Amino acid sequence: MPRTAYAHPALRELFPMVGHGVLYLSRCARYPWTHDVPTAFPQVAGGYRVRRESDRTLVGVAGTVEAAYELIAANLPEGCGRDECRGRPAAEG
């Protein structure tokens, strides 16, 4: 999944986290992470459900990981970019 996400320039700007077999992307590189970037959740029967956890919106359903990350890239929050930590100064480094 990380390689698939990396294929999208807008997703390269985000901070990746992996948990329970899912790649989460955040606009903030430190806690508290943002939850407004959609996430692809693998389904037992195959394919992916793409959800935005901040408002529990189902963005869509995709048959392949590539299609899932197309949905994520197409549904990023407006002005989404690196290290947007809710008004806090960006992390140094």
C-alpha atoms as a PDB file:
ATOM      1  CA  MET A   1       0.000   0.000   0.000  1.00  0.00           C
ATOM      2  CA  PRO A   2       2.735   2.560   0.744  1.00  0.00           C
ATOM      3  CA  ARG A   3       4.091   2.259  -2.809  1.00  0.00           C
ATOM      4  CA  THR A   4       0.624   2.715  -4.256  1.00  0.00           C
ATOM      5  CA  ALA A   5       0.031   5.808  -2.127  1.00  0.00           C
ATOM      6  CA  TYR A   6       3.456   7.174  -3.058  1.00  0.00           C
ATOM      7  CA  ALA A   7       2.471   7.116  -6.724  1.00  0.00           C
ATOM      8  CA  HIS A   8       0.210  10.128  -6.012  1.00  0.00           C
ATOM      9  CA  PRO A   9       2.205  13.356  -5.492  1.00  0.00           C
ATOM     10  CA  ALA A  10      -0.440  14.855  -3.163  1.00  0.00           C
ATOM     11  CA  LEU A  11      -0.281  11.793  -0.903  1.00  0.00           C
ATOM     12  CA  ARG A  12       3.523  12.025  -0.645  1.00  0.00           C
ATOM     13  CA  GLU A  13       3.031  15.213   1.361  1.00  0.00           C
ATOM     14  CA  LEU A  14       1.212  13.355   4.133  1.00  0.00           C
ATOM     15  CA  PHE A  15       2.531  11.534   7.195  1.00  0.00           C
ATOM     16  CA  PRO A  16       1.982   7.737   6.953  1.00  0.00           C
ATOM     17  CA  MET A  17       1.084   5.478   9.870  1.00  0.00           C
ATOM     18  CA  VAL A  18       0.364   1.737   9.723  1.00  0.00           C
ATOM     19  CA  GLY A  19      -1.921  -0.097  12.111  1.00  0.00           C
ATOM     20  CA  HIS A  20      -3.843  -3.365  11.856  1.00  0.00           C
ATOM     21  CA  GLY A  21      -2.897  -3.767   8.192  1.00  0.00           C
ATOM     22  CA  VAL A  22      -4.197  -0.323   7.242  1.00  0.00           C
ATOM     23  CA  LEU A  23      -2.179   2.652   5.953  1.00  0.00           C
ATOM     24  CA  TYR A  24      -3.414   5.861   7.580  1.00  0.00           C
ATOM     25  CA  LEU A  25      -2.379   9.270   6.240  1.00  0.00           C
ATOM     26  CA  SER A  26      -2.315  12.420   8.368  1.00  0.00           C
ATOM     27  CA  ARG A  27      -1.679  16.077   7.609  1.00  0.00           C
ATOM     28  CA  CYS A  28       0.174  16.312  10.924  1.00  0.00           C
ATOM     29  CA  ALA A  29       3.441  14.515  11.672  1.00  0.00           C
ATOM     30  CA  ARG A  30       2.752  14.328  15.410  1.00  0.00           C
ATOM     31  CA  TYR A  31      -0.061  13.604  17.827  1.00  0.00           C
ATOM     32  CA  PRO A  32      -2.880  14.458  17.606  1.00  0.00           C
ATOM     33  CA  TRP A  33      -3.023  13.190  14.041  1.00  0.00           C
ATOM     34  CA  THR A  34      -5.647  14.442  11.631  1.00  0.00           C
ATOM     35  CA  HIS A  35      -8.542  12.153  10.699  1.00  0.00           C
ATOM     36  CA  ASP A  36      -9.896  14.042   7.695  1.00  0.00           C
ATOM     37  CA  VAL A  37      -7.829  12.235   5.051  1.00  0.00           C
ATOM     38  CA  PRO A  38      -9.724   9.197   3.718  1.00  0.00           C
ATOM     39  CA  THR A  39      -8.397   5.704   4.500  1.00  0.00           C
ATOM     40  CA  ALA A  40      -8.640   2.466   2.485  1.00  0.00           C
ATOM     41  CA  PHE A  41      -9.854  -0.467   4.571  1.00  0.00           C
ATOM     42  CA  PRO A  42      -9.401  -3.937   3.007  1.00  0.00           C
ATOM     43  CA  GLN A  43     -12.564  -6.060   2.895  1.00  0.00           C
ATOM     44  CA  VAL A  44     -12.720  -9.781   3.631  1.00  0.00           C
ATOM     45  CA  ALA A  45     -14.493 -10.464   0.317  1.00  0.00           C
ATOM     46  CA  GLY A  46     -11.881  -8.412  -1.579  1.00  0.00           C
ATOM     47  CA  GLY A  47     -11.620  -4.787  -2.540  1.00  0.00           C
ATOM     48  CA  TYR A  48     -11.506  -1.730  -0.301  1.00  0.00           C
ATOM     49  CA  ARG A  49     -13.925   0.600   1.453  1.00  0.00           C
ATOM     50  CA  VAL A  50     -12.589   4.157   1.499  1.00  0.00           C
ATOM     51  CA  ARG A  51     -13.809   6.096   4.535  1.00  0.00           C
ATOM     52  CA  ARG A  52     -13.120   9.501   6.088  1.00  0.00           C
ATOM     53  CA  GLU A  53     -13.123   8.969   9.849  1.00  0.00           C
ATOM     54  CA  SER A  54     -13.559  12.639  10.816  1.00  0.00           C
ATOM     55  CA  ASP A  55     -17.207  12.589   9.718  1.00  0.00           C
ATOM     56  CA  ARG A  56     -17.621   8.812   9.135  1.00  0.00           C
ATOM     57  CA  THR A  57     -18.291   9.355   5.432  1.00  0.00           C
ATOM     58  CA  LEU A  58     -18.049   6.467   3.000  1.00  0.00           C
ATOM     59  CA  VAL A  59     -16.063   8.000   0.146  1.00  0.00           C
ATOM     60  CA  GLY A  60     -16.458   4.939  -2.060  1.00  0.00           C
ATOM     61  CA  VAL A  61     -15.722   1.294  -2.719  1.00  0.00           C
ATOM     62  CA  ALA A  62     -12.828   0.152  -4.916  1.00  0.00           C
ATOM     63  CA  GLY A  63     -11.915  -3.206  -6.374  1.00  0.00           C
ATOM     64  CA  THR A  64      -8.153  -2.648  -6.304  1.00  0.00           C
ATOM     65  CA  VAL A  65      -5.670  -0.889  -4.051  1.00  0.00           C
ATOM     66  CA  GLU A  66      -4.786   1.424  -6.953  1.00  0.00           C
ATOM     67  CA  ALA A  67      -8.412   2.484  -7.364  1.00  0.00           C
ATOM     68  CA  ALA A  68      -8.715   2.984  -3.596  1.00  0.00           C
ATOM     69  CA  TYR A  69      -5.797   5.428  -3.551  1.00  0.00           C
ATOM     70  CA  GLU A  70      -7.206   7.218  -6.595  1.00  0.00           C
ATOM     71  CA  LEU A  71     -10.331   7.831  -4.483  1.00  0.00           C
ATOM     72  CA  ILE A  72      -8.246   9.041  -1.549  1.00  0.00           C
ATOM     73  CA  ALA A  73      -6.201  11.422  -3.707  1.00  0.00           C
ATOM     74  CA  ALA A  74      -9.379  12.785  -5.303  1.00  0.00           C
ATOM     75  CA  ASN A  75     -11.039  13.398  -1.916  1.00  0.00           C
ATOM     76  CA  LEU A  76      -8.345  15.152   0.090  1.00  0.00           C
ATOM     77  CA  PRO A  77      -9.441  18.085   2.264  1.00  0.00           C
ATOM     78  CA  GLU A  78      -9.159  21.473   0.591  1.00  0.00           C
ATOM     79  CA  GLY A  79      -5.678  22.927   0.944  1.00  0.00           C
ATOM     80  CA  CYS A  80      -4.312  19.631   2.211  1.00  0.00           C
ATOM     81  CA  GLY A  81      -0.546  19.631   2.612  1.00  0.00           C
ATOM     82  CA  ARG A  82       2.353  18.753   4.823  1.00  0.00           C
ATOM     83  CA  ASP A  83       2.436  19.441   8.556  1.00  0.00           C
ATOM     84  CA  GLU A  84      -0.865  21.230   9.012  1.00  0.00           C
ATOM     85  CA  CYS A  85      -1.080  20.618  12.732  1.00  0.00           C
ATOM     86  CA  ARG A  86      -4.207  22.555  13.692  1.00  0.00           C
ATOM     87  CA  GLY A  87      -2.450  25.891  14.017  1.00  0.00           C
ATOM     88  CA  ARG A  88       0.554  24.596  15.923  1.00  0.00           C
ATOM     89  CA  PRO A  89       4.029  25.385  14.630  1.00  0.00           C
ATOM     90  CA  ALA A  90       5.384  22.785  12.189  1.00  0.00           C
ATOM     91  CA  ALA A  91       7.789  20.213  13.608  1.00  0.00           C
ATOM     92  CA  GLU A  92      11.418  21.060  13.067  1.00  0.00           C
ATOM     93  CA  GLY A  93      13.610  18.741  11.060  1.00  0.00           C
END
